[in-house]
Protein backbone atom coordinates (compact mmCIF):
# COMPACT_ATOMS: atom_id res chain seq x y z
CA MET A 1 0.04 0.01 -0.01
CA PRO A 2 1.61 3.33 -1.00
CA ASP A 3 2.43 5.79 1.62
CA GLU A 4 0.15 8.86 1.14
CA THR A 5 2.54 11.29 2.78
CA ALA A 6 5.28 10.51 0.30
CA THR A 7 7.25 13.66 -0.67
CA GLY A 8 9.32 12.16 -3.52
CA ASP A 9 12.45 12.42 -1.36
CA ALA A 10 14.21 9.10 -1.47
CA ALA A 11 15.26 9.13 2.25
CA ALA A 12 11.80 10.31 3.45
CA ASP A 13 10.22 7.55 1.32
CA GLY A 14 12.38 4.94 3.01
CA LEU A 15 14.41 4.28 -0.16
CA TYR A 16 18.04 3.89 0.79
CA GLY A 17 19.53 2.03 -2.17
CA TYR A 18 19.04 -0.29 -5.12
CA LEU A 19 19.88 -3.85 -5.79
CA VAL A 20 20.79 -4.48 -9.41
CA SER A 21 21.67 -7.70 -11.25
CA PHE A 22 23.76 -7.85 -14.42
CA ASP A 23 24.01 -10.66 -16.99
CA THR A 24 27.56 -10.01 -17.98
CA VAL A 25 30.84 -8.80 -16.42
CA GLU A 26 31.05 -6.04 -19.08
CA GLN A 27 27.55 -4.68 -17.89
CA LEU A 28 28.69 -4.69 -14.34
CA LEU A 29 32.02 -2.76 -15.09
CA ALA A 30 30.12 -0.19 -17.30
CA ALA A 31 27.50 0.39 -14.58
CA ALA A 32 30.28 0.59 -11.87
CA ALA A 33 32.07 3.24 -13.91
CA THR A 34 28.84 5.14 -14.44
CA VAL A 35 28.05 5.17 -10.71
CA ARG A 36 31.59 6.23 -9.96
CA ASP A 37 31.52 8.95 -12.58
CA ALA A 38 28.27 10.18 -11.13
CA GLY A 39 30.05 11.06 -7.86
CA TYR A 40 28.65 8.41 -5.54
CA SER A 41 31.12 7.42 -2.80
CA ARG A 42 29.09 5.06 -0.55
CA TRP A 43 28.31 2.06 -2.61
CA ASP A 44 29.50 -1.46 -3.24
CA ALA A 45 29.37 -4.38 -5.71
CA HIS A 46 29.10 -8.00 -4.85
CA THR A 47 29.94 -10.99 -7.17
CA PRO A 48 30.16 -14.66 -6.76
CA PHE A 49 33.55 -14.75 -8.37
CA VAL A 50 36.48 -12.41 -8.79
CA VAL A 51 35.96 -9.69 -11.43
CA HIS A 52 39.34 -8.27 -12.61
CA GLY A 53 38.97 -4.52 -13.16
CA LEU A 54 36.06 -3.96 -10.83
CA ASP A 55 38.20 -2.00 -8.28
CA ALA A 56 39.30 0.28 -11.05
CA ALA A 57 35.83 0.66 -12.36
CA MET A 58 34.62 1.61 -8.85
CA GLY A 59 37.43 4.09 -8.42
CA ILE A 60 39.09 2.10 -5.59
CA ARG A 61 42.75 2.90 -5.47
CA ARG A 62 45.35 0.43 -4.49
CA ARG A 63 47.05 1.07 -1.08
CA SER A 64 50.74 0.75 -0.64
CA CYS A 65 50.15 -0.60 2.95
CA PRO A 66 47.17 -2.80 3.81
CA THR A 67 44.68 -1.68 6.38
CA TRP A 68 46.03 -4.05 8.94
CA CYS A 69 49.49 -2.48 8.63
CA SER A 70 48.21 0.88 9.97
CA ARG A 71 46.49 -1.05 12.91
CA ALA A 72 49.57 -2.73 14.20
CA ALA A 73 51.11 -0.83 17.17
């Protein structure tokens, strides 16, 4: 049943994200690059297997020191 007080604002409507499925790796990589280029910074992609190039398509930069390295004291 639709909310009659909906304002069209995604957060006010309770919409906090999308779940999208792709048929090919190429579609996933193109979509990731599009989302990255649109300026979104808080998003993720999940796959059942390794997708080479996904980090680059998402704009994730390789770190010279892994995260655990900075936690060791």
